[in-house]
């Protein structure tokens, strides 16, 4: 596809190689409106199906789609539904083990 200055003006953002245009934002907003009860997870899968956004092995790129939509949401271009489930990350609040030989300070031995 040829890329010209008019198209560049239409680009809102780029996320992992995928550009978002005003038309894309309109499509995603319609997708959200037409699936008002859907979770973010379900919306990302629907977006992948609609755009045939798949990995080389044929698996939907739904994780990338969720990140793409989240970036659009955070920048105010779309409004995603509230999170239905907050996944706990065990690495966020982990405690460091103390070394009994080094005055209780963590060390690399």
Foldseek 3Di string as FASTA:
>chain_A
DDDDPVVVVQWDDAAPRRTAGLVNLVVLQVLCVVCVVDALQVSLQVVCVVVVQADPVSHGPSVSSSVVVVVCCVVPSHPHDDHPDDDDDCVPPDDDAFDPVPVRHDDDD
